[in-house]
Amino acid sequence: MVKTVTPFSSRAKEGATDSPLGDFVEVPQTITSIASAGFYDENGKLTGNNSTDRQWDQQTKEIEIINGQDFLVPGGDPGFIDMTGFTDLFLAFKPSRAGNYSTSAVFGPSTNSFRGLEPIDSGSVIRGASLPQNSTADFQPIFEDGAQAFTADVWNVYLLQGVVARQSVLQFKMVNNTGGTCATFEFAFLRCV
């Protein structure tokens, strides 16, 4: 410990730089690391900090999707992506047939609530407005891609930066627009803080 004269003491007024008597303040000379594990909310409940997913969550394998057919990803249980506390989302698509697929962000299954609201309009395109980037105040689809060409039998990876942040019950409506025969379609995602 290093002891110094307090700047407001009588000894400091007299010009003393050190005092053998009682006007000392102990200054600890240690470094302590601190990690924030979260915060306490208004109800006194500890809410932890989210961290980026460590690995891809592969939830869906849709088999024999015919040309023109739509389908929802992720499927299975729980059948949606919870983006609460996350800002960015990597999407990975692995179709067995190359060609165009359309993708839209939609509300997930009606069997799940949207932060306590139920039923929700499942399958409907998620709309929002983010002024001043948008020149109008109309509600626009937050993510809608009419035709994205995917390569067959490999993972096609895409990043949505901030577009679907904080969406609680999120799915993607896909449409097979490849033409011709059926396709098998795999889907995976990875959430980032």
N, C-alpha and C. Protein backbone atom coordinates (compact mmCIF):
# COMPACT_ATOMS: atom_id res chain seq x y z
N MET A 1 0.83 -1.19 0.00
CA MET A 1 0.00 0.00 0.00
C MET A 1 0.88 1.25 0.00
N VAL A 2 0.45 2.23 -0.77
CA VAL A 2 1.12 3.53 -0.78
C VAL A 2 0.24 4.49 -0.02
N LYS A 3 0.84 5.25 0.88
CA LYS A 3 0.07 6.22 1.66
C LYS A 3 0.40 7.62 1.16
N THR A 4 -0.63 8.42 0.99
CA THR A 4 -0.43 9.80 0.54
C THR A 4 -1.25 10.72 1.42
N VAL A 5 -0.89 11.98 1.40
CA VAL A 5 -1.63 12.99 2.15
C VAL A 5 -2.90 13.31 1.37
N THR A 6 -4.03 13.35 2.05
CA THR A 6 -5.28 13.68 1.38
C THR A 6 -5.22 15.13 0.91
N PRO A 7 -5.73 15.41 -0.29
CA PRO A 7 -5.61 16.76 -0.84
C PRO A 7 -6.42 17.81 -0.08
N PHE A 8 -7.37 17.39 0.74
CA PHE A 8 -8.21 18.34 1.46
C PHE A 8 -7.83 18.45 2.94
N SER A 9 -6.74 17.81 3.38
CA SER A 9 -6.36 17.80 4.79
C SER A 9 -5.65 19.09 5.17
N SER A 10 -5.53 19.31 6.49
CA SER A 10 -4.82 20.50 6.99
C SER A 10 -3.33 20.42 6.66
N ARG A 11 -2.77 19.24 6.60
CA ARG A 11 -1.36 19.07 6.26
C ARG A 11 -1.10 19.46 4.80
N ALA A 12 -2.05 19.19 3.91
CA ALA A 12 -1.87 19.57 2.51
C ALA A 12 -1.93 21.08 2.36
N LYS A 13 -2.76 21.75 3.17
CA LYS A 13 -2.85 23.22 3.10
C LYS A 13 -1.54 23.86 3.52
N GLU A 14 -0.85 23.20 4.45
CA GLU A 14 0.42 23.73 4.92
C GLU A 14 1.56 23.42 3.97
N GLY A 15 1.27 22.63 2.91
CA GLY A 15 2.29 22.32 1.93
C GLY A 15 3.02 21.01 2.19
N ALA A 16 2.54 20.25 3.17
CA ALA A 16 3.22 18.99 3.48
C ALA A 16 2.93 17.96 2.39
N THR A 17 3.92 17.17 2.06
CA THR A 17 3.74 16.10 1.08
C THR A 17 3.62 14.75 1.76
N ASP A 18 3.96 14.70 3.03
CA ASP A 18 3.85 13.45 3.76
C ASP A 18 3.63 13.80 5.22
N SER A 19 2.92 12.98 5.95
CA SER A 19 2.62 13.28 7.34
C SER A 19 2.79 12.02 8.16
N PRO A 20 3.51 12.12 9.29
CA PRO A 20 3.69 10.94 10.12
C PRO A 20 2.45 10.66 10.98
N LEU A 21 1.47 11.58 11.00
CA LEU A 21 0.31 11.40 11.85
C LEU A 21 -0.88 10.87 11.06
N GLY A 22 -2.11 11.25 11.36
CA GLY A 22 -3.30 10.58 10.87
C GLY A 22 -3.96 11.08 9.61
N ASP A 23 -3.37 11.92 8.80
CA ASP A 23 -4.03 12.42 7.59
C ASP A 23 -3.70 11.58 6.36
N PHE A 24 -3.77 10.28 6.48
CA PHE A 24 -3.39 9.40 5.37
C PHE A 24 -4.62 8.75 4.74
N VAL A 25 -4.52 8.52 3.43
CA VAL A 25 -5.51 7.74 2.69
C VAL A 25 -4.76 6.57 2.08
N GLU A 26 -5.20 5.37 2.35
CA GLU A 26 -4.56 4.20 1.78
C GLU A 26 -5.02 4.03 0.33
N VAL A 27 -4.08 3.88 -0.57
CA VAL A 27 -4.37 3.70 -1.99
C VAL A 27 -3.93 2.29 -2.37
N PRO A 28 -4.90 1.40 -2.62
CA PRO A 28 -4.50 0.02 -2.98
C PRO A 28 -3.77 -0.01 -4.33
N GLN A 29 -2.73 -0.82 -4.41
CA GLN A 29 -1.93 -0.94 -5.62
C GLN A 29 -2.14 -2.31 -6.28
N THR A 30 -3.39 -2.74 -6.36
CA THR A 30 -3.70 -4.03 -6.98
C THR A 30 -4.63 -3.81 -8.16
N ILE A 31 -4.58 -4.73 -9.10
CA ILE A 31 -5.47 -4.70 -10.27
C ILE A 31 -6.42 -5.88 -10.13
N THR A 32 -7.69 -5.59 -10.23
CA THR A 32 -8.72 -6.62 -10.12
C THR A 32 -9.53 -6.65 -11.39
N SER A 33 -9.62 -7.81 -12.02
CA SER A 33 -10.43 -7.92 -13.23
C SER A 33 -11.89 -8.13 -12.83
N ILE A 34 -12.78 -7.57 -13.63
CA ILE A 34 -14.21 -7.66 -13.37
C ILE A 34 -14.89 -8.13 -14.64
N ALA A 35 -15.76 -9.12 -14.52
CA ALA A 35 -16.54 -9.60 -15.65
C ALA A 35 -18.01 -9.41 -15.34
N SER A 36 -18.74 -8.84 -16.27
CA SER A 36 -20.17 -8.64 -16.08
C SER A 36 -20.92 -9.89 -16.54
N ALA A 37 -21.65 -10.49 -15.62
CA ALA A 37 -22.42 -11.69 -15.96
C ALA A 37 -23.86 -11.35 -16.29
N GLY A 38 -24.21 -10.08 -16.22
CA GLY A 38 -25.58 -9.68 -16.51
C GLY A 38 -26.00 -8.52 -15.63
N PHE A 39 -27.31 -8.42 -15.43
CA PHE A 39 -27.85 -7.34 -14.61
C PHE A 39 -29.12 -7.83 -13.93
N TYR A 40 -29.52 -7.10 -12.90
CA TYR A 40 -30.77 -7.40 -12.22
C TYR A 40 -31.88 -6.54 -12.82
N ASP A 41 -32.97 -7.17 -13.23
CA ASP A 41 -34.07 -6.41 -13.82
C ASP A 41 -34.91 -5.77 -12.73
N GLU A 42 -36.00 -5.11 -13.14
CA GLU A 42 -36.84 -4.38 -12.18
C GLU A 42 -37.52 -5.28 -11.16
N ASN A 43 -37.56 -6.59 -11.42
CA ASN A 43 -38.16 -7.54 -10.48
C ASN A 43 -37.12 -8.22 -9.61
N GLY A 44 -35.86 -7.84 -9.75
CA GLY A 44 -34.80 -8.43 -8.95
C GLY A 44 -34.29 -9.75 -9.48
N LYS A 45 -34.65 -10.08 -10.73
CA LYS A 45 -34.20 -11.33 -11.34
C LYS A 45 -32.92 -11.08 -12.12
N LEU A 46 -31.90 -11.93 -11.90
CA LEU A 46 -30.65 -11.80 -12.63
C LEU A 46 -30.86 -12.22 -14.08
N THR A 47 -30.57 -11.33 -14.99
CA THR A 47 -30.66 -11.60 -16.42
C THR A 47 -29.25 -11.64 -16.97
N GLY A 48 -28.86 -12.79 -17.48
CA GLY A 48 -27.49 -12.97 -17.97
C GLY A 48 -27.26 -12.32 -19.31
N ASN A 49 -26.01 -12.05 -19.62
CA ASN A 49 -25.63 -11.50 -20.92
C ASN A 49 -25.60 -12.63 -21.95
N ASN A 50 -26.11 -12.36 -23.13
CA ASN A 50 -26.04 -13.34 -24.21
C ASN A 50 -24.64 -13.37 -24.79
N SER A 51 -24.29 -14.48 -25.37
CA SER A 51 -23.03 -14.58 -26.10
C SER A 51 -23.32 -15.23 -27.44
N THR A 52 -22.44 -15.00 -28.39
CA THR A 52 -22.60 -15.57 -29.72
C THR A 52 -22.67 -17.09 -29.62
N ASP A 53 -23.55 -17.69 -30.43
CA ASP A 53 -23.64 -19.15 -30.45
C ASP A 53 -22.27 -19.75 -30.78
N ARG A 54 -21.93 -20.85 -30.13
CA ARG A 54 -20.63 -21.48 -30.35
C ARG A 54 -20.61 -22.35 -31.59
N GLN A 55 -21.76 -22.85 -31.99
CA GLN A 55 -21.82 -23.69 -33.17
C GLN A 55 -23.16 -23.49 -33.88
N TRP A 56 -23.23 -23.97 -35.11
CA TRP A 56 -24.43 -23.87 -35.91
C TRP A 56 -25.53 -24.71 -35.30
N ASP A 57 -26.74 -24.18 -35.31
CA ASP A 57 -27.90 -24.94 -34.86
C ASP A 57 -28.59 -25.44 -36.12
N GLN A 58 -28.43 -26.71 -36.41
CA GLN A 58 -29.02 -27.29 -37.61
C GLN A 58 -30.35 -27.91 -37.23
N GLN A 59 -31.43 -27.34 -37.68
CA GLN A 59 -32.73 -27.75 -37.20
C GLN A 59 -33.63 -28.37 -38.25
N THR A 60 -33.34 -28.18 -39.51
CA THR A 60 -34.32 -28.58 -40.52
C THR A 60 -33.70 -29.35 -41.65
N LYS A 61 -34.40 -30.38 -42.07
CA LYS A 61 -34.09 -31.06 -43.32
C LYS A 61 -35.44 -31.36 -43.96
N GLU A 62 -35.76 -30.59 -44.98
CA GLU A 62 -37.02 -30.75 -45.70
C GLU A 62 -36.77 -31.63 -46.92
N ILE A 63 -37.58 -32.65 -47.09
CA ILE A 63 -37.36 -33.64 -48.15
C ILE A 63 -38.42 -33.50 -49.23
N GLU A 64 -37.99 -33.59 -50.49
CA GLU A 64 -38.85 -33.58 -51.67
C GLU A 64 -39.75 -32.35 -51.76
N ILE A 65 -39.13 -31.20 -51.76
CA ILE A 65 -39.83 -29.93 -51.96
C ILE A 65 -39.99 -29.75 -53.47
N ILE A 66 -41.23 -29.75 -53.94
CA ILE A 66 -41.46 -29.64 -55.38
C ILE A 66 -41.32 -28.19 -55.84
N ASN A 67 -41.12 -27.99 -57.12
CA ASN A 67 -40.98 -26.65 -57.68
C ASN A 67 -42.25 -25.83 -57.39
N GLY A 68 -42.06 -24.61 -56.91
CA GLY A 68 -43.18 -23.72 -56.60
C GLY A 68 -43.74 -23.89 -55.20
N GLN A 69 -43.32 -24.91 -54.48
CA GLN A 69 -43.83 -25.17 -53.12
C GLN A 69 -43.10 -24.29 -52.11
N ASP A 70 -43.84 -23.79 -51.12
CA ASP A 70 -43.21 -23.05 -50.04
C ASP A 70 -43.08 -23.94 -48.82
N PHE A 71 -42.13 -23.61 -47.96
CA PHE A 71 -41.90 -24.35 -46.72
C PHE A 71 -41.25 -23.41 -45.72
N LEU A 72 -41.34 -23.74 -44.43
CA LEU A 72 -40.82 -22.89 -43.36
C LEU A 72 -39.58 -23.52 -42.74
N VAL A 73 -38.58 -22.69 -42.46
CA VAL A 73 -37.40 -23.13 -41.74
C VAL A 73 -37.14 -22.15 -40.60
N PRO A 74 -36.65 -22.56 -39.45
CA PRO A 74 -36.42 -23.94 -39.09
C PRO A 74 -37.73 -24.65 -38.77
N GLY A 75 -37.72 -25.95 -38.97
CA GLY A 75 -38.87 -26.77 -38.61
C GLY A 75 -38.57 -27.46 -37.29
N GLY A 76 -39.26 -28.53 -37.03
CA GLY A 76 -39.00 -29.29 -35.82
C GLY A 76 -39.45 -28.58 -34.57
N ASP A 77 -38.77 -28.85 -33.46
CA ASP A 77 -39.12 -28.28 -32.17
C ASP A 77 -37.94 -27.47 -31.66
N PRO A 78 -38.02 -26.18 -31.40
CA PRO A 78 -39.24 -25.41 -31.22
C PRO A 78 -39.81 -24.85 -32.52
N GLY A 79 -39.10 -24.92 -33.62
CA GLY A 79 -39.65 -24.46 -34.89
C GLY A 79 -39.56 -22.97 -35.13
N PHE A 80 -38.68 -22.29 -34.39
CA PHE A 80 -38.47 -20.85 -34.61
C PHE A 80 -37.10 -20.48 -34.06
N ILE A 81 -36.67 -19.26 -34.40
CA ILE A 81 -35.41 -18.72 -33.90
C ILE A 81 -35.75 -17.59 -32.94
N ASP A 82 -35.19 -17.62 -31.74
CA ASP A 82 -35.38 -16.55 -30.76
C ASP A 82 -34.16 -15.64 -30.82
N MET A 83 -34.34 -14.42 -31.34
CA MET A 83 -33.24 -13.47 -31.49
C MET A 83 -33.18 -12.47 -30.33
N THR A 84 -33.89 -12.73 -29.24
CA THR A 84 -33.86 -11.83 -28.09
C THR A 84 -32.43 -11.70 -27.59
N GLY A 85 -31.91 -10.48 -27.57
CA GLY A 85 -30.55 -10.22 -27.12
C GLY A 85 -29.48 -10.40 -28.18
N PHE A 86 -29.87 -10.80 -29.38
CA PHE A 86 -28.92 -11.00 -30.48
C PHE A 86 -29.19 -9.96 -31.57
N THR A 87 -28.14 -9.56 -32.28
CA THR A 87 -28.30 -8.55 -33.33
C THR A 87 -28.12 -9.10 -34.73
N ASP A 88 -27.18 -10.03 -34.91
CA ASP A 88 -26.86 -10.54 -36.24
C ASP A 88 -27.18 -12.03 -36.34
N LEU A 89 -27.42 -12.47 -37.57
CA LEU A 89 -27.80 -13.87 -37.78
C LEU A 89 -27.15 -14.38 -39.06
N PHE A 90 -26.40 -15.47 -38.93
CA PHE A 90 -25.90 -16.19 -40.10
C PHE A 90 -26.92 -17.25 -40.48
N LEU A 91 -27.23 -17.34 -41.75
CA LEU A 91 -28.12 -18.37 -42.28
C LEU A 91 -27.32 -19.26 -43.21
N ALA A 92 -27.56 -20.57 -43.14
CA ALA A 92 -26.88 -21.51 -44.02
C ALA A 92 -27.92 -22.40 -44.68
N PHE A 93 -27.85 -22.50 -46.00
CA PHE A 93 -28.80 -23.27 -46.79
C PHE A 93 -28.02 -24.31 -47.60
N LYS A 94 -28.50 -25.55 -47.61
CA LYS A 94 -27.86 -26.61 -48.39
C LYS A 94 -28.92 -27.36 -49.18
N PRO A 95 -29.21 -26.90 -50.40
CA PRO A 95 -30.20 -27.59 -51.23
C PRO A 95 -29.55 -28.70 -52.06
N SER A 96 -30.33 -29.70 -52.39
CA SER A 96 -29.82 -30.77 -53.25
C SER A 96 -29.93 -30.38 -54.73
N ARG A 97 -30.66 -29.32 -55.01
CA ARG A 97 -30.85 -28.86 -56.39
C ARG A 97 -30.48 -27.38 -56.46
N ALA A 98 -29.59 -27.02 -57.38
CA ALA A 98 -29.19 -25.63 -57.57
C ALA A 98 -30.32 -24.84 -58.21
N GLY A 99 -30.33 -23.55 -57.95
CA GLY A 99 -31.33 -22.67 -58.56
C GLY A 99 -31.79 -21.61 -57.60
N ASN A 100 -32.87 -20.93 -57.97
CA ASN A 100 -33.40 -19.82 -57.19
C ASN A 100 -34.36 -20.28 -56.11
N TYR A 101 -34.22 -19.65 -54.96
CA TYR A 101 -35.13 -19.85 -53.83
C TYR A 101 -35.46 -18.46 -53.31
N SER A 102 -36.73 -18.22 -53.00
CA SER A 102 -37.07 -16.94 -52.38
C SER A 102 -37.14 -17.14 -50.87
N THR A 103 -36.84 -16.07 -50.14
CA THR A 103 -36.77 -16.12 -48.68
C THR A 103 -37.43 -14.89 -48.08
N SER A 104 -38.30 -15.08 -47.08
CA SER A 104 -38.93 -13.97 -46.37
C SER A 104 -38.92 -14.26 -44.88
N ALA A 105 -38.65 -13.24 -44.06
CA ALA A 105 -38.75 -13.38 -42.60
C ALA A 105 -40.22 -13.31 -42.21
N VAL A 106 -40.68 -14.34 -41.50
CA VAL A 106 -42.09 -14.42 -41.09
C VAL A 106 -42.18 -14.75 -39.61
N PHE A 107 -43.37 -14.50 -39.04
CA PHE A 107 -43.62 -14.90 -37.65
C PHE A 107 -43.71 -16.41 -37.57
N GLY A 108 -43.16 -16.96 -36.51
CA GLY A 108 -43.12 -18.40 -36.32
C GLY A 108 -44.47 -19.01 -36.00
N PRO A 109 -44.46 -20.25 -35.57
CA PRO A 109 -45.70 -21.00 -35.35
C PRO A 109 -46.64 -20.33 -34.35
N SER A 110 -47.93 -20.48 -34.58
CA SER A 110 -48.93 -19.88 -33.67
C SER A 110 -48.96 -20.59 -32.33
N THR A 111 -48.29 -21.72 -32.22
CA THR A 111 -48.23 -22.43 -30.94
C THR A 111 -47.30 -21.74 -29.95
N ASN A 112 -46.57 -20.71 -30.39
CA ASN A 112 -45.66 -19.96 -29.52
C ASN A 112 -46.15 -18.53 -29.39
N SER A 113 -45.89 -17.94 -28.23
CA SER A 113 -46.31 -16.56 -28.00
C SER A 113 -45.17 -15.62 -28.38
N PHE A 114 -45.53 -14.39 -28.72
CA PHE A 114 -44.55 -13.35 -29.00
C PHE A 114 -44.45 -12.51 -27.74
N ARG A 115 -43.53 -12.91 -26.85
CA ARG A 115 -43.32 -12.23 -25.56
C ARG A 115 -44.63 -12.02 -24.80
N GLY A 116 -45.43 -13.07 -24.77
CA GLY A 116 -46.67 -13.04 -24.00
C GLY A 116 -47.92 -12.81 -24.82
N LEU A 117 -47.80 -12.38 -26.07
CA LEU A 117 -48.97 -12.18 -26.92
C LEU A 117 -49.26 -13.46 -27.69
N GLU A 118 -50.51 -13.91 -27.59
CA GLU A 118 -50.90 -15.08 -28.38
C GLU A 118 -52.39 -15.05 -28.65
N PRO A 119 -52.84 -15.57 -29.75
CA PRO A 119 -52.04 -16.15 -30.83
C PRO A 119 -51.44 -15.05 -31.69
N ILE A 120 -50.36 -15.40 -32.35
CA ILE A 120 -49.74 -14.46 -33.29
C ILE A 120 -50.14 -14.88 -34.71
N ASP A 121 -49.98 -13.95 -35.64
CA ASP A 121 -50.34 -14.21 -37.04
C ASP A 121 -49.20 -14.99 -37.69
N SER A 122 -49.15 -16.28 -37.41
CA SER A 122 -48.04 -17.10 -37.88
C SER A 122 -47.99 -17.15 -39.40
N GLY A 123 -46.78 -17.18 -39.92
CA GLY A 123 -46.57 -17.25 -41.36
C GLY A 123 -46.66 -15.91 -42.07
N SER A 124 -47.07 -14.85 -41.35
CA SER A 124 -47.17 -13.54 -42.00
C SER A 124 -45.80 -12.87 -42.02
N VAL A 125 -45.54 -12.12 -43.07
CA VAL A 125 -44.27 -11.42 -43.23
C VAL A 125 -44.11 -10.40 -42.11
N ILE A 126 -42.94 -10.39 -41.47
CA ILE A 126 -42.66 -9.42 -40.41
C ILE A 126 -42.39 -8.07 -41.05
N ARG A 127 -43.12 -7.06 -40.61
CA ARG A 127 -42.99 -5.72 -41.18
C ARG A 127 -42.55 -4.75 -40.10
N GLY A 128 -41.88 -3.68 -40.53
CA GLY A 128 -41.43 -2.65 -39.60
C GLY A 128 -41.01 -1.41 -40.36
N ALA A 129 -40.67 -0.37 -39.62
CA ALA A 129 -40.18 0.88 -40.20
C ALA A 129 -38.97 1.32 -39.41
N SER A 130 -37.93 1.77 -40.10
CA SER A 130 -36.72 2.21 -39.42
C SER A 130 -36.28 3.54 -40.02
N LEU A 131 -36.97 4.59 -39.67
CA LEU A 131 -36.60 5.93 -40.14
C LEU A 131 -35.31 6.33 -39.45
N PRO A 132 -34.42 7.11 -39.98
CA PRO A 132 -34.56 7.84 -41.22
C PRO A 132 -34.04 7.08 -42.45
N GLN A 133 -33.58 5.82 -42.31
CA GLN A 133 -33.05 5.11 -43.47
C GLN A 133 -34.12 4.97 -44.55
N ASN A 134 -35.32 4.58 -44.17
CA ASN A 134 -36.41 4.48 -45.14
C ASN A 134 -36.98 5.87 -45.37
N SER A 135 -37.27 6.19 -46.59
CA SER A 135 -37.79 7.53 -46.89
C SER A 135 -39.27 7.63 -46.57
N THR A 136 -39.94 6.50 -46.38
CA THR A 136 -41.37 6.55 -46.06
C THR A 136 -41.59 6.00 -44.66
N ALA A 137 -42.73 6.29 -44.10
CA ALA A 137 -43.08 5.80 -42.78
C ALA A 137 -43.93 4.54 -42.87
N ASP A 138 -44.10 3.99 -44.09
CA ASP A 138 -44.89 2.77 -44.26
C ASP A 138 -44.17 1.58 -43.66
N PHE A 139 -44.94 0.63 -43.17
CA PHE A 139 -44.36 -0.62 -42.70
C PHE A 139 -43.90 -1.43 -43.91
N GLN A 140 -42.64 -1.80 -43.91
CA GLN A 140 -42.03 -2.55 -45.00
C GLN A 140 -41.61 -3.92 -44.48
N PRO A 141 -41.53 -4.94 -45.34
CA PRO A 141 -40.99 -6.22 -44.90
C PRO A 141 -39.56 -6.02 -44.39
N ILE A 142 -39.24 -6.60 -43.22
CA ILE A 142 -37.89 -6.40 -42.68
C ILE A 142 -36.85 -7.20 -43.45
N PHE A 143 -37.26 -8.33 -44.04
CA PHE A 143 -36.35 -9.08 -44.90
C PHE A 143 -37.17 -9.88 -45.90
N GLU A 144 -36.90 -9.62 -47.19
CA GLU A 144 -37.59 -10.32 -48.26
C GLU A 144 -36.67 -10.36 -49.47
N ASP A 145 -36.31 -11.57 -49.91
CA ASP A 145 -35.44 -11.75 -51.06
C ASP A 145 -36.19 -12.60 -52.07
N GLY A 146 -36.57 -12.03 -53.21
CA GLY A 146 -37.40 -12.71 -54.19
C GLY A 146 -36.74 -13.87 -54.89
N ALA A 147 -35.44 -13.82 -55.12
CA ALA A 147 -34.76 -14.90 -55.83
C ALA A 147 -33.27 -14.88 -55.50
N GLN A 148 -32.83 -15.89 -54.77
CA GLN A 148 -31.41 -16.04 -54.47
C GLN A 148 -30.94 -17.37 -55.04
N ALA A 149 -29.92 -17.32 -55.87
CA ALA A 149 -29.40 -18.54 -56.50
C ALA A 149 -28.50 -19.28 -55.52
N PHE A 150 -28.86 -20.52 -55.18
CA PHE A 150 -28.08 -21.37 -54.30
C PHE A 150 -27.35 -22.42 -55.11
N THR A 151 -26.15 -22.77 -54.68
CA THR A 151 -25.37 -23.84 -55.27
C THR A 151 -25.79 -25.16 -54.61
N ALA A 152 -25.87 -26.23 -55.38
CA ALA A 152 -26.33 -27.52 -54.86
C ALA A 152 -25.25 -28.23 -54.06
N ASP A 153 -25.69 -28.96 -53.04
CA ASP A 153 -24.88 -29.88 -52.24
C ASP A 153 -23.72 -29.25 -51.49
N VAL A 154 -23.76 -27.96 -51.25
CA VAL A 154 -22.80 -27.27 -50.39
C VAL A 154 -23.58 -26.28 -49.52
N TRP A 155 -22.97 -25.85 -48.41
CA TRP A 155 -23.62 -24.85 -47.56
C TRP A 155 -23.44 -23.47 -48.17
N ASN A 156 -24.56 -22.79 -48.44
CA ASN A 156 -24.58 -21.41 -48.90
C ASN A 156 -24.83 -20.55 -47.67
N VAL A 157 -23.83 -19.73 -47.26
CA VAL A 157 -23.89 -19.00 -45.99
C VAL A 157 -24.11 -17.51 -46.26
N TYR A 158 -25.04 -16.91 -45.51
CA TYR A 158 -25.38 -15.50 -45.65
C TYR A 158 -25.48 -14.86 -44.27
N LEU A 159 -25.16 -13.57 -44.18
CA LEU A 159 -25.21 -12.82 -42.94
C LEU A 159 -26.31 -11.77 -43.01
N LEU A 160 -27.19 -11.75 -42.01
CA LEU A 160 -28.18 -10.69 -41.84
C LEU A 160 -27.69 -9.83 -40.67
N GLN A 161 -27.17 -8.65 -40.96
CA GLN A 161 -26.62 -7.78 -39.94
C GLN A 161 -27.66 -6.81 -39.44
N GLY A 162 -28.15 -7.03 -38.24
CA GLY A 162 -29.10 -6.13 -37.59
C GLY A 162 -30.51 -6.18 -38.14
N VAL A 163 -30.74 -6.91 -39.22
CA VAL A 163 -32.04 -6.89 -39.89
C VAL A 163 -33.13 -7.55 -39.05
N VAL A 164 -32.81 -8.67 -38.43
CA VAL A 164 -33.82 -9.42 -37.65
C VAL A 164 -33.52 -9.37 -36.16
N ALA A 165 -32.77 -8.36 -35.73
CA ALA A 165 -32.39 -8.23 -34.32
C ALA A 165 -33.63 -8.20 -33.42
N ARG A 166 -33.53 -8.91 -32.31
CA ARG A 166 -34.53 -8.92 -31.24
C ARG A 166 -35.88 -9.52 -31.64
N GLN A 167 -35.98 -10.22 -32.75
CA GLN A 167 -37.23 -10.89 -33.12
C GLN A 167 -37.38 -12.16 -32.27
N SER A 168 -38.52 -12.29 -31.61
CA SER A 168 -38.69 -13.40 -30.67
C SER A 168 -39.09 -14.71 -31.34
N VAL A 169 -40.00 -14.67 -32.28
CA VAL A 169 -40.53 -15.88 -32.90
C VAL A 169 -40.33 -15.75 -34.41
N LEU A 170 -39.13 -16.14 -34.85
CA LEU A 170 -38.70 -15.89 -36.23
C LEU A 170 -38.59 -17.19 -37.01
N GLN A 171 -39.16 -17.20 -38.20
CA GLN A 171 -38.98 -18.27 -39.16
C GLN A 171 -38.71 -17.64 -40.52
N PHE A 172 -38.30 -18.47 -41.46
CA PHE A 172 -38.11 -18.01 -42.83
C PHE A 172 -38.97 -18.85 -43.75
N LYS A 173 -39.76 -18.15 -44.57
CA LYS A 173 -40.59 -18.83 -45.57
C LYS A 173 -39.76 -18.92 -46.84
N MET A 174 -39.54 -20.13 -47.29
CA MET A 174 -38.75 -20.39 -48.49
C MET A 174 -39.68 -20.89 -49.59
N VAL A 175 -39.34 -20.57 -50.83
CA VAL A 175 -40.08 -21.10 -51.97
C VAL A 175 -39.06 -21.67 -52.96
N ASN A 176 -39.28 -22.92 -53.36
CA ASN A 176 -38.42 -23.57 -54.34
C ASN A 176 -38.83 -23.08 -55.73
N ASN A 177 -37.99 -22.26 -56.34
CA ASN A 177 -38.25 -21.73 -57.69
C ASN A 177 -37.21 -22.25 -58.68
N THR A 178 -36.71 -23.46 -58.46
CA THR A 178 -35.64 -23.99 -59.30
C THR A 178 -36.13 -24.56 -60.61
N GLY A 179 -37.41 -24.94 -60.66
CA GLY A 179 -37.93 -25.60 -61.86
C GLY A 179 -37.54 -27.08 -61.82
N GLY A 180 -38.30 -27.90 -62.49
CA GLY A 180 -37.93 -29.30 -62.59
C GLY A 180 -38.29 -30.14 -61.39
N THR A 181 -37.37 -31.03 -61.01
CA THR A 181 -37.64 -32.05 -60.01
C THR A 181 -37.60 -31.52 -58.58
N CYS A 182 -37.92 -32.40 -57.65
CA CYS A 182 -37.95 -32.06 -56.22
C CYS A 182 -36.54 -31.79 -55.69
N ALA A 183 -36.49 -31.12 -54.55
CA ALA A 183 -35.22 -30.82 -53.90
C ALA A 183 -35.32 -31.13 -52.41
N THR A 184 -34.23 -31.61 -51.85
CA THR A 184 -34.10 -31.73 -50.40
C THR A 184 -33.35 -30.49 -49.93
N PHE A 185 -33.76 -29.97 -48.77
CA PHE A 185 -33.26 -28.67 -48.34
C PHE A 185 -32.87 -28.74 -46.87
N GLU A 186 -31.61 -28.41 -46.56
CA GLU A 186 -31.15 -28.36 -45.18
C GLU A 186 -30.93 -26.90 -44.78
N PHE A 187 -31.16 -26.62 -43.49
CA PHE A 187 -31.06 -25.25 -43.00
C PHE A 187 -30.36 -25.25 -41.64
N ALA A 188 -29.50 -24.25 -41.42
CA ALA A 188 -28.83 -24.07 -40.13
C ALA A 188 -28.70 -22.57 -39.87
N PHE A 189 -28.54 -22.21 -38.59
CA PHE A 189 -28.35 -20.78 -38.25
C PHE A 189 -27.39 -20.64 -37.09
N LEU A 190 -26.81 -19.43 -36.99
CA LEU A 190 -25.90 -19.09 -35.91
C LEU A 190 -26.15 -17.65 -35.53
N ARG A 191 -26.52 -17.42 -34.25
CA ARG A 191 -26.83 -16.07 -33.76
C ARG A 191 -25.60 -15.40 -33.19
N CYS A 192 -25.48 -14.08 -33.41
CA CYS A 192 -24.33 -13.31 -32.92
C CYS A 192 -24.80 -12.12 -32.11
N VAL A 193 -24.03 -11.79 -31.09
CA VAL A 193 -24.33 -10.63 -30.24
C VAL A 193 -23.82 -9.39 -30.94
